[in-house]
Amino acid sequence: MQIAFIGLGNMGGPMAINLHKAGHSVKAFDLSQDALAKVKAEGLQVAASAQDAVQGAEAVITMLPASQHVEGLFLGNGNLLASIAKGALVIDSSTIAAATSQKVAKAAEAAGIDFIDAPVSGGTGGAIAGTLTFMVGGSDAQLERARPLLEKMGANIFHAGSVGAGQTAKICNNMLLGILMVGTSEAIALGVANGLDPKVLSEIMRRSSGGNWALEKYNPFPGVHENAPASKGYAGGFGTDLMLKDLGLAQENAMATKASTPLGGMARAIYAAHSIAGHGGEDFSSVIKMLQKKG
């Protein structure tokens, strides 16, 4: 299948490469020349623009930072929908506001294009390994059309509901992840302040009632998990500013629906302070720096 892939960051790049490895013809685009060079080295075609990427594409996959980027790409000055062939499938794996997904999907439908929102969970490791979890918003027929592509990038595919439902599921998941990372960081920092070995403490909690994904696969303390961003200077992974953005989406949604999310609000405030302190580009697990005993 001819696929256009737009957005080749820490997540999008490996996803596009996995589609290429599965035998699809992938033409990729990103504003970053470094990102383009990485996928070109893996054998993917690179496009001169988003409009160039979608020429002849049967499916278009996007992985962009925020709502304004998705809306700007499809409906703004670029008006990418006008360049996509009628009958094509658009899979947006960005994490954005559900209302934005619904707005773009309505315009796509009017243009004769299928559009689903399919945000992901699983981190950069899952993107590289092709074991991501997809949370899909769209019709049954649209999901089945997308499934053969999603299966080349992920191991778990959930149909959350109609368009926008995938985004809602994702912000619920990431709100919980942000809360869990702060709590895990607090607990490890407390133990270390009392002289405990972070590896031993982490293993105790992992096998006890405090066990969670951070303790299993993404420990925030350097040296506990060899491949976690914490052991690589908090480079790569999922940025603090991206977590802050997702926690903001959760709070906007909570206000709109009058849902009570006090811990989500507190986590957002903590990540905002961490970003302001200059850690916005570091992996979100670097929040432990705020909580560690100084001196």
C-alpha atoms as a PDB file:
ATOM      1  CA  MET A   1       0.000   0.000   0.000  1.00  0.00           C
ATOM      2  CA  GLN A   2       1.151   3.555  -0.722  1.00  0.00           C
ATOM      3  CA  ILE A   3       1.280   5.408   2.618  1.00  0.00           C
ATOM      4  CA  ALA A   4       2.065   9.020   3.466  1.00  0.00           C
ATOM      5  CA  PHE A   5       3.491   9.464   6.969  1.00  0.00           C
ATOM      6  CA  ILE A   6       3.704  13.003   8.380  1.00  0.00           C
ATOM      7  CA  GLY A   7       5.442  13.627  11.699  1.00  0.00           C
ATOM      8  CA  LEU A   8       8.659  11.669  12.292  1.00  0.00           C
ATOM      9  CA  GLY A   9       9.567  12.405  15.896  1.00  0.00           C
ATOM     10  CA  ASN A  10      10.498   9.926  18.641  1.00  0.00           C
ATOM     11  CA  MET A  11       7.232   8.052  18.034  1.00  0.00           C
ATOM     12  CA  GLY A  12       6.367   8.740  14.401  1.00  0.00           C
ATOM     13  CA  GLY A  13       9.780   7.868  12.993  1.00  0.00           C
ATOM     14  CA  PRO A  14       9.858   4.283  14.305  1.00  0.00           C
ATOM     15  CA  MET A  15       6.200   3.779  13.366  1.00  0.00           C
ATOM     16  CA  ALA A  16       6.890   4.797   9.771  1.00  0.00           C
ATOM     17  CA  ILE A  17       9.947   2.530   9.666  1.00  0.00           C
ATOM     18  CA  ASN A  18       7.891  -0.453  10.866  1.00  0.00           C
ATOM     19  CA  LEU A  19       5.383   0.096   8.060  1.00  0.00           C
ATOM     20  CA  HIS A  20       8.255   0.185   5.583  1.00  0.00           C
ATOM     21  CA  LYS A  21       9.709  -3.024   7.019  1.00  0.00           C
ATOM     22  CA  ALA A  22       6.281  -4.648   6.629  1.00  0.00           C
ATOM     23  CA  GLY A  23       6.492  -4.100   2.884  1.00  0.00           C
ATOM     24  CA  HIS A  24       4.462  -0.920   2.451  1.00  0.00           C
ATOM     25  CA  SER A  25       5.634   1.956   0.273  1.00  0.00           C
ATOM     26  CA  VAL A  26       6.026   4.844   2.712  1.00  0.00           C
ATOM     27  CA  LYS A  27       6.647   8.441   1.671  1.00  0.00           C
ATOM     28  CA  ALA A  28       7.480  10.480   4.756  1.00  0.00           C
ATOM     29  CA  PHE A  29       7.619  14.147   5.672  1.00  0.00           C
ATOM     30  CA  ASP A  30       8.689  16.198   8.680  1.00  0.00           C
ATOM     31  CA  LEU A  31       9.827  19.780   9.121  1.00  0.00           C
ATOM     32  CA  SER A  32      13.024  18.451  10.725  1.00  0.00           C
ATOM     33  CA  GLN A  33      15.781  17.574   8.269  1.00  0.00           C
ATOM     34  CA  ASP A  34      17.378  15.324  10.890  1.00  0.00           C
ATOM     35  CA  ALA A  35      14.148  13.334  11.218  1.00  0.00           C
ATOM     36  CA  LEU A  36      13.933  12.975   7.441  1.00  0.00           C
ATOM     37  CA  ALA A  37      17.551  11.823   7.264  1.00  0.00           C
ATOM     38  CA  LYS A  38      16.926   9.080   9.839  1.00  0.00           C
ATOM     39  CA  VAL A  39      14.045   7.504   7.928  1.00  0.00           C
ATOM     40  CA  LYS A  40      15.790   7.954   4.580  1.00  0.00           C
ATOM     41  CA  ALA A  41      18.706   5.946   5.965  1.00  0.00           C
ATOM     42  CA  GLU A  42      16.202   3.143   6.668  1.00  0.00           C
ATOM     43  CA  GLY A  43      15.089   3.105   3.039  1.00  0.00           C
ATOM     44  CA  LEU A  44      11.946   5.242   3.186  1.00  0.00           C
ATOM     45  CA  GLN A  45      11.109   7.801   0.512  1.00  0.00           C
ATOM     46  CA  VAL A  46      11.192  11.379   1.785  1.00  0.00           C
ATOM     47  CA  ALA A  47       8.874  14.106   0.545  1.00  0.00           C
ATOM     48  CA  ALA A  48       9.570  17.776  -0.073  1.00  0.00           C
ATOM     49  CA  SER A  49       6.316  18.784   1.643  1.00  0.00           C
ATOM     50  CA  ALA A  50       3.191  17.344   3.209  1.00  0.00           C
ATOM     51  CA  GLN A  51       1.359  17.911  -0.072  1.00  0.00           C
ATOM     52  CA  ASP A  52       4.072  15.991  -1.901  1.00  0.00           C
ATOM     53  CA  ALA A  53       3.865  13.119   0.599  1.00  0.00           C
ATOM     54  CA  VAL A  54       0.132  12.519   0.064  1.00  0.00           C
ATOM     55  CA  GLN A  55       0.249  12.379  -3.740  1.00  0.00           C
ATOM     56  CA  GLY A  56      -1.070   8.945  -4.720  1.00  0.00           C
ATOM     57  CA  ALA A  57      -1.389   7.825  -1.084  1.00  0.00           C
ATOM     58  CA  GLU A  58      -4.114   5.338  -0.185  1.00  0.00           C
ATOM     59  CA  ALA A  59      -3.554   6.027   3.511  1.00  0.00           C
ATOM     60  CA  VAL A  60      -2.207   9.076   5.346  1.00  0.00           C
ATOM     61  CA  ILE A  61      -0.874   8.732   8.894  1.00  0.00           C
ATOM     62  CA  THR A  62      -0.068  11.751  11.044  1.00  0.00           C
ATOM     63  CA  MET A  63       1.799  11.969  14.353  1.00  0.00           C
ATOM     64  CA  LEU A  64       1.952  15.632  15.358  1.00  0.00           C
ATOM     65  CA  PRO A  65       2.549  17.472  18.660  1.00  0.00           C
ATOM     66  CA  ALA A  66      -0.772  19.221  19.378  1.00  0.00           C
ATOM     67  CA  SER A  67      -4.278  20.186  18.236  1.00  0.00           C
ATOM     68  CA  GLN A  68      -3.172  23.353  16.448  1.00  0.00           C
ATOM     69  CA  HIS A  69      -0.720  21.386  14.312  1.00  0.00           C
ATOM     70  CA  VAL A  70      -3.349  18.856  13.212  1.00  0.00           C
ATOM     71  CA  GLU A  71      -5.989  21.483  12.485  1.00  0.00           C
ATOM     72  CA  GLY A  72      -3.444  23.704  10.736  1.00  0.00           C
ATOM     73  CA  LEU A  73      -2.214  20.847   8.555  1.00  0.00           C
ATOM     74  CA  PHE A  74      -5.595  19.593   7.390  1.00  0.00           C
ATOM     75  CA  LEU A  75      -7.742  22.744   7.507  1.00  0.00           C
ATOM     76  CA  GLY A  76      -5.344  25.694   7.672  1.00  0.00           C
ATOM     77  CA  ASN A  77      -3.249  27.364   5.000  1.00  0.00           C
ATOM     78  CA  GLY A  78      -1.930  24.010   3.830  1.00  0.00           C
ATOM     79  CA  ASN A  79      -5.462  22.569   3.503  1.00  0.00           C
ATOM     80  CA  LEU A  80      -4.012  19.082   3.116  1.00  0.00           C
ATOM     81  CA  LEU A  81      -7.460  17.512   2.732  1.00  0.00           C
ATOM     82  CA  ALA A  82      -7.681  19.142  -0.692  1.00  0.00           C
ATOM     83  CA  SER A  83      -4.530  17.260  -1.767  1.00  0.00           C
ATOM     84  CA  ILE A  84      -5.594  13.824  -0.498  1.00  0.00           C
ATOM     85  CA  ALA A  85      -7.324  11.503  -2.935  1.00  0.00           C
ATOM     86  CA  LYS A  86     -11.037  10.925  -2.478  1.00  0.00           C
ATOM     87  CA  GLY A  87     -11.601   7.567  -0.817  1.00  0.00           C
ATOM     88  CA  ALA A  88      -8.284   7.614   1.059  1.00  0.00           C
ATOM     89  CA  LEU A  89      -7.967   6.778   4.757  1.00  0.00           C
ATOM     90  CA  VAL A  90      -6.478   9.231   7.271  1.00  0.00           C
ATOM     91  CA  ILE A  91      -5.210   7.867  10.589  1.00  0.00           C
ATOM     92  CA  ASP A  92      -4.278  10.595  13.064  1.00  0.00           C
ATOM     93  CA  SER A  93      -2.165   9.205  15.901  1.00  0.00           C
ATOM     94  CA  SER A  94      -1.467  12.598  17.485  1.00  0.00           C
ATOM     95  CA  THR A  95      -2.750  13.219  21.018  1.00  0.00           C
ATOM     96  CA  ILE A  96      -5.096  16.186  20.656  1.00  0.00           C
ATOM     97  CA  ALA A  97      -8.470  17.480  21.835  1.00  0.00           C
ATOM     98  CA  ALA A  98     -11.378  15.236  20.898  1.00  0.00           C
ATOM     99  CA  ALA A  99     -13.196  18.289  19.502  1.00  0.00           C
ATOM    100  CA  THR A 100     -10.334  18.872  17.044  1.00  0.00           C
ATOM    101  CA  SER A 101     -10.517  15.274  15.821  1.00  0.00           C
ATOM    102  CA  GLN A 102     -14.255  15.656  15.311  1.00  0.00           C
ATOM    103  CA  LYS A 103     -13.816  18.940  13.427  1.00  0.00           C
ATOM    104  CA  VAL A 104     -11.234  17.479  11.040  1.00  0.00           C
ATOM    105  CA  ALA A 105     -13.256  14.266  10.616  1.00  0.00           C
ATOM    106  CA  LYS A 106     -16.331  16.282   9.585  1.00  0.00           C
ATOM    107  CA  ALA A 107     -14.334  18.140   6.938  1.00  0.00           C
ATOM    108  CA  ALA A 108     -12.765  14.879   5.750  1.00  0.00           C
ATOM    109  CA  GLU A 109     -16.170  13.244   5.410  1.00  0.00           C
ATOM    110  CA  ALA A 110     -17.365  16.157   3.272  1.00  0.00           C
ATOM    111  CA  ALA A 111     -14.308  15.595   1.049  1.00  0.00           C
ATOM    112  CA  GLY A 112     -15.037  11.861   0.719  1.00  0.00           C
ATOM    113  CA  ILE A 113     -12.132  10.845   2.960  1.00  0.00           C
ATOM    114  CA  ASP A 114     -12.240   8.425   5.916  1.00  0.00           C
ATOM    115  CA  PHE A 115     -10.733   9.880   9.111  1.00  0.00           C
ATOM    116  CA  ILE A 116     -10.090   8.120  12.421  1.00  0.00           C
ATOM    117  CA  ASP A 117      -8.287   9.236  15.551  1.00  0.00           C
ATOM    118  CA  ALA A 118      -5.863   6.577  16.796  1.00  0.00           C
ATOM    119  CA  PRO A 119      -3.595   7.947  19.539  1.00  0.00           C
ATOM    120  CA  VAL A 120      -1.076   5.526  21.031  1.00  0.00           C
ATOM    121  CA  SER A 121       0.437   4.402  24.302  1.00  0.00           C
ATOM    122  CA  GLY A 122       3.595   2.394  24.864  1.00  0.00           C
ATOM    123  CA  GLY A 123       6.395   4.937  24.646  1.00  0.00           C
ATOM    124  CA  THR A 124       9.335   5.083  22.270  1.00  0.00           C
ATOM    125  CA  GLY A 125      10.262   1.492  23.123  1.00  0.00           C
ATOM    126  CA  GLY A 126       6.832   0.340  21.997  1.00  0.00           C
ATOM    127  CA  ALA A 127       7.089   2.428  18.830  1.00  0.00           C
ATOM    128  CA  ILE A 128      10.431   0.831  17.935  1.00  0.00           C
ATOM    129  CA  ALA A 129       9.292  -2.710  18.805  1.00  0.00           C
ATOM    130  CA  GLY A 130       5.920  -2.331  17.095  1.00  0.00           C
ATOM    131  CA  THR A 131       4.047  -3.128  20.313  1.00  0.00           C
ATOM    132  CA  LEU A 132       2.066   0.093  20.754  1.00  0.00           C
ATOM    133  CA  THR A 133      -1.497   0.252  22.032  1.00  0.00           C
ATOM    134  CA  PHE A 134      -3.892   2.085  19.709  1.00  0.00           C
ATOM    135  CA  MET A 135      -7.069   3.720  21.040  1.00  0.00           C
ATOM    136  CA  VAL A 136      -9.314   4.212  18.036  1.00  0.00           C
ATOM    137  CA  GLY A 137     -12.212   6.584  17.462  1.00  0.00           C
ATOM    138  CA  GLY A 138     -14.232   5.929  14.308  1.00  0.00           C
ATOM    139  CA  SER A 139     -16.772   3.552  12.796  1.00  0.00           C
ATOM    140  CA  ASP A 140     -16.441  -0.231  12.801  1.00  0.00           C
ATOM    141  CA  ALA A 141     -15.822  -0.201   9.058  1.00  0.00           C
ATOM    142  CA  GLN A 142     -13.135   2.488   9.329  1.00  0.00           C
ATOM    143  CA  LEU A 143     -11.346   0.570  12.072  1.00  0.00           C
ATOM    144  CA  GLU A 144     -11.344  -2.639  10.017  1.00  0.00           C
ATOM    145  CA  ARG A 145      -9.932  -0.709   7.095  1.00  0.00           C
ATOM    146  CA  ALA A 146      -7.149   0.665   9.291  1.00  0.00           C
ATOM    147  CA  ARG A 147      -6.469  -2.534  11.225  1.00  0.00           C
ATOM    148  CA  PRO A 148      -3.913  -4.092   8.805  1.00  0.00           C
ATOM    149  CA  LEU A 149      -1.757  -0.954   9.141  1.00  0.00           C
ATOM    150  CA  LEU A 150      -2.237  -0.557  12.882  1.00  0.00           C
ATOM    151  CA  GLU A 151      -1.205  -4.184  13.401  1.00  0.00           C
ATOM    152  CA  LYS A 152       2.192  -3.454  11.836  1.00  0.00           C
ATOM    153  CA  MET A 153       2.816  -0.730  14.422  1.00  0.00           C
ATOM    154  CA  GLY A 154       1.088  -2.043  17.531  1.00  0.00           C
ATOM    155  CA  ALA A 155       0.132  -5.134  19.511  1.00  0.00           C
ATOM    156  CA  ASN A 156      -3.119  -3.894  21.043  1.00  0.00           C
ATOM    157  CA  ILE A 157      -5.955  -2.192  19.182  1.00  0.00           C
ATOM    158  CA  PHE A 158      -8.984  -0.935  21.107  1.00  0.00           C
ATOM    159  CA  HIS A 159     -12.123   0.543  19.583  1.00  0.00           C
ATOM    160  CA  ALA A 160     -13.003   3.299  22.052  1.00  0.00           C
ATOM    161  CA  GLY A 161     -16.071   4.552  20.156  1.00  0.00           C
ATOM    162  CA  SER A 162     -16.900   7.141  17.513  1.00  0.00           C
ATOM    163  CA  VAL A 163     -14.473   9.817  16.286  1.00  0.00           C
ATOM    164  CA  GLY A 164     -12.885  11.615  19.228  1.00  0.00           C
ATOM    165  CA  ALA A 165     -13.308   8.680  21.622  1.00  0.00           C
ATOM    166  CA  GLY A 166      -9.740   7.564  21.057  1.00  0.00           C
ATOM    167  CA  GLN A 167      -8.511  10.986  22.151  1.00  0.00           C
ATOM    168  CA  THR A 168     -10.660  10.902  25.280  1.00  0.00           C
ATOM    169  CA  ALA A 169      -9.311   7.476  26.222  1.00  0.00           C
ATOM    170  CA  LYS A 170      -5.765   8.690  25.636  1.00  0.00           C
ATOM    171  CA  ILE A 171      -6.022  11.758  27.853  1.00  0.00           C
ATOM    172  CA  CYS A 172      -7.543   9.620  30.623  1.00  0.00           C
ATOM    173  CA  ASN A 173      -4.598   7.222  30.300  1.00  0.00           C
ATOM    174  CA  ASN A 174      -1.985   9.977  30.244  1.00  0.00           C
ATOM    175  CA  MET A 175      -3.521  11.793  33.181  1.00  0.00           C
ATOM    176  CA  LEU A 176      -3.184   8.577  35.177  1.00  0.00           C
ATOM    177  CA  LEU A 177       0.364   8.074  33.879  1.00  0.00           C
ATOM    178  CA  GLY A 178       1.363  11.577  34.966  1.00  0.00           C
ATOM    179  CA  ILE A 179      -0.101  10.988  38.428  1.00  0.00           C
ATOM    180  CA  LEU A 180       1.608   7.594  38.722  1.00  0.00           C
ATOM    181  CA  MET A 181       4.997   8.989  37.688  1.00  0.00           C
ATOM    182  CA  VAL A 182       4.810  11.749  40.284  1.00  0.00           C
ATOM    183  CA  GLY A 183       3.769   9.256  42.979  1.00  0.00           C
ATOM    184  CA  THR A 184       6.460   6.761  41.992  1.00  0.00           C
ATOM    185  CA  SER A 185       9.070   9.513  41.995  1.00  0.00           C
ATOM    186  CA  GLU A 186       7.976  10.701  45.446  1.00  0.00           C
ATOM    187  CA  ALA A 187       8.194   7.194  46.871  1.00  0.00           C
ATOM    188  CA  ILE A 188      11.648   6.479  45.430  1.00  0.00           C
ATOM    189  CA  ALA A 189      12.955   9.898  46.478  1.00  0.00           C
ATOM    190  CA  LEU A 190      11.678   9.304  50.021  1.00  0.00           C
ATOM    191  CA  GLY A 191      13.344   5.905  50.202  1.00  0.00           C
ATOM    192  CA  VAL A 192      16.659   7.214  48.848  1.00  0.00           C
ATOM    193  CA  ALA A 193      16.563  10.106  51.342  1.00  0.00           C
ATOM    194  CA  ASN A 194      16.427   7.437  54.039  1.00  0.00           C
ATOM    195  CA  GLY A 195      19.398   5.554  52.618  1.00  0.00           C
ATOM    196  CA  LEU A 196      17.583   2.829  50.661  1.00  0.00           C
ATOM    197  CA  ASP A 197      18.973   1.428  47.431  1.00  0.00           C
ATOM    198  CA  PRO A 198      16.662   2.669  44.634  1.00  0.00           C
ATOM    199  CA  LYS A 199      16.901  -0.662  42.783  1.00  0.00           C
ATOM    200  CA  VAL A 200      15.964  -2.680  45.858  1.00  0.00           C
ATOM    201  CA  LEU A 201      13.139  -0.322  46.816  1.00  0.00           C
ATOM    202  CA  SER A 202      11.799  -0.268  43.263  1.00  0.00           C
ATOM    203  CA  GLU A 203      11.732  -4.063  43.131  1.00  0.00           C
ATOM    204  CA  ILE A 204       9.981  -4.249  46.506  1.00  0.00           C
ATOM    205  CA  MET A 205       7.279  -1.823  45.346  1.00  0.00           C
ATOM    206  CA  ARG A 206       7.026  -3.434  41.901  1.00  0.00           C
ATOM    207  CA  ARG A 207       6.137  -6.759  43.497  1.00  0.00           C
ATOM    208  CA  SER A 208       3.875  -5.175  46.106  1.00  0.00           C
ATOM    209  CA  SER A 209       0.614  -3.249  46.065  1.00  0.00           C
ATOM    210  CA  GLY A 210       2.355  -0.129  44.737  1.00  0.00           C
ATOM    211  CA  GLY A 211       3.341  -1.869  41.504  1.00  0.00           C
ATOM    212  CA  ASN A 212       2.749   0.145  38.313  1.00  0.00           C
ATOM    213  CA  TRP A 213       4.044   0.667  34.747  1.00  0.00           C
ATOM    214  CA  ALA A 214       6.748   3.122  35.807  1.00  0.00           C
ATOM    215  CA  LEU A 215       8.212   0.587  38.214  1.00  0.00           C
ATOM    216  CA  GLU A 216       7.892  -2.185  35.630  1.00  0.00           C
ATOM    217  CA  LYS A 217       9.372  -0.510  32.580  1.00  0.00           C
ATOM    218  CA  TYR A 218      10.157   3.190  33.028  1.00  0.00           C
ATOM    219  CA  ASN A 219      11.814   3.788  36.368  1.00  0.00           C
ATOM    220  CA  PRO A 220      12.537   7.512  36.954  1.00  0.00           C
ATOM    221  CA  PHE A 221      15.733   6.886  38.944  1.00  0.00           C
ATOM    222  CA  PRO A 222      18.967   6.694  36.890  1.00  0.00           C
ATOM    223  CA  GLY A 223      20.512   3.236  36.633  1.00  0.00           C
ATOM    224  CA  VAL A 224      17.517   1.193  37.713  1.00  0.00           C
ATOM    225  CA  HIS A 225      16.330   0.411  34.185  1.00  0.00           C
ATOM    226  CA  GLU A 226      19.202   0.395  31.706  1.00  0.00           C
ATOM    227  CA  ASN A 227      17.079   1.411  28.713  1.00  0.00           C
ATOM    228  CA  ALA A 228      14.811   3.939  30.441  1.00  0.00           C
ATOM    229  CA  PRO A 229      15.343   7.644  29.628  1.00  0.00           C
ATOM    230  CA  ALA A 230      16.391   8.187  33.260  1.00  0.00           C
ATOM    231  CA  SER A 231      19.529   6.151  32.539  1.00  0.00           C
ATOM    232  CA  LYS A 232      20.261   8.212  29.424  1.00  0.00           C
ATOM    233  CA  GLY A 233      20.225  11.670  30.955  1.00  0.00           C
ATOM    234  CA  TYR A 234      16.426  11.850  30.518  1.00  0.00           C
ATOM    235  CA  ALA A 235      16.952  12.218  26.766  1.00  0.00           C
ATOM    236  CA  GLY A 236      14.389  10.987  24.236  1.00  0.00           C
ATOM    237  CA  GLY A 237      11.272   9.321  25.513  1.00  0.00           C
ATOM    238  CA  PHE A 238       8.152  11.403  26.206  1.00  0.00           C
ATOM    239  CA  GLY A 239       8.938  15.034  26.916  1.00  0.00           C
ATOM    240  CA  THR A 240       7.847  16.930  30.015  1.00  0.00           C
ATOM    241  CA  ASP A 241       6.171  19.562  27.835  1.00  0.00           C
ATOM    242  CA  LEU A 242       4.196  16.857  25.996  1.00  0.00           C
ATOM    243  CA  MET A 243       2.997  15.418  29.304  1.00  0.00           C
ATOM    244  CA  LEU A 244       2.104  18.947  30.408  1.00  0.00           C
ATOM    245  CA  LYS A 245       0.105  19.401  27.197  1.00  0.00           C
ATOM    246  CA  ASP A 246      -1.802  16.145  27.752  1.00  0.00           C
ATOM    247  CA  LEU A 247      -2.531  16.975  31.393  1.00  0.00           C
ATOM    248  CA  GLY A 248      -3.849  20.333  30.172  1.00  0.00           C
ATOM    249  CA  LEU A 249      -6.162  18.567  27.700  1.00  0.00           C
ATOM    250  CA  ALA A 250      -7.438  16.397  30.542  1.00  0.00           C
ATOM    251  CA  GLN A 251      -8.170  19.436  32.698  1.00  0.00           C
ATOM    252  CA  GLU A 252      -9.928  21.246  29.826  1.00  0.00           C
ATOM    253  CA  ASN A 253     -12.087  18.185  29.284  1.00  0.00           C
ATOM    254  CA  ALA A 254     -12.777  17.853  33.005  1.00  0.00           C
ATOM    255  CA  MET A 255     -13.959  21.468  33.153  1.00  0.00           C
ATOM    256  CA  ALA A 256     -16.175  20.988  30.094  1.00  0.00           C
ATOM    257  CA  THR A 257     -17.803  17.861  31.544  1.00  0.00           C
ATOM    258  CA  LYS A 258     -17.745  19.056  35.181  1.00  0.00           C
ATOM    259  CA  ALA A 259     -15.707  15.975  36.142  1.00  0.00           C
ATOM    260  CA  SER A 260     -13.636  16.043  39.329  1.00  0.00           C
ATOM    261  CA  THR A 261      -9.913  15.436  38.711  1.00  0.00           C
ATOM    262  CA  PRO A 262      -8.031  16.912  41.695  1.00  0.00           C
ATOM    263  CA  LEU A 263      -4.964  14.690  41.325  1.00  0.00           C
ATOM    264  CA  GLY A 264      -4.843  15.396  37.596  1.00  0.00           C
ATOM    265  CA  GLY A 265      -4.855  19.116  38.369  1.00  0.00           C
ATOM    266  CA  MET A 266      -2.095  18.713  40.921  1.00  0.00           C
ATOM    267  CA  ALA A 267       0.016  16.671  38.499  1.00  0.00           C
ATOM    268  CA  ARG A 268      -0.411  19.373  35.872  1.00  0.00           C
ATOM    269  CA  ALA A 269       0.782  22.042  38.325  1.00  0.00           C
ATOM    270  CA  ILE A 270       3.834  19.941  39.224  1.00  0.00           C
ATOM    271  CA  TYR A 271       4.772  19.381  35.577  1.00  0.00           C
ATOM    272  CA  ALA A 272       4.232  23.069  34.812  1.00  0.00           C
ATOM    273  CA  ALA A 273       6.674  24.014  37.582  1.00  0.00           C
ATOM    274  CA  HIS A 274       9.143  21.409  36.319  1.00  0.00           C
ATOM    275  CA  SER A 275       8.920  22.819  32.795  1.00  0.00           C
ATOM    276  CA  ILE A 276       9.347  26.404  33.982  1.00  0.00           C
ATOM    277  CA  ALA A 277      12.474  25.249  35.851  1.00  0.00           C
ATOM    278  CA  GLY A 278      14.004  24.379  32.487  1.00  0.00           C
ATOM    279  CA  HIS A 279      13.192  20.687  32.101  1.00  0.00           C
ATOM    280  CA  GLY A 280      10.512  20.907  29.409  1.00  0.00           C
ATOM    281  CA  GLY A 281      12.631  19.093  26.820  1.00  0.00           C
ATOM    282  CA  GLU A 282      13.603  16.240  29.139  1.00  0.00           C
ATOM    283  CA  ASP A 283      11.644  13.027  29.500  1.00  0.00           C
ATOM    284  CA  PHE A 284       8.683  13.366  31.831  1.00  0.00           C
ATOM    285  CA  SER A 285      10.242  10.930  34.338  1.00  0.00           C
ATOM    286  CA  SER A 286      12.762  13.692  35.124  1.00  0.00           C
ATOM    287  CA  VAL A 287      10.067  15.091  37.447  1.00  0.00           C
ATOM    288  CA  ILE A 288      11.865  13.103  40.168  1.00  0.00           C
ATOM    289  CA  LYS A 289      14.473  15.894  40.151  1.00  0.00           C
ATOM    290  CA  MET A 290      11.893  18.202  41.749  1.00  0.00           C
ATOM    291  CA  LEU A 291      11.322  15.737  44.550  1.00  0.00           C
ATOM    292  CA  GLN A 292      14.810  14.608  45.457  1.00  0.00           C
ATOM    293  CA  LYS A 293      16.612  15.708  48.616  1.00  0.00           C
ATOM    294  CA  LYS A 294      19.058  18.485  47.793  1.00  0.00           C
ATOM    295  CA  GLY A 295      22.545  18.532  49.255  1.00  0.00           C
END
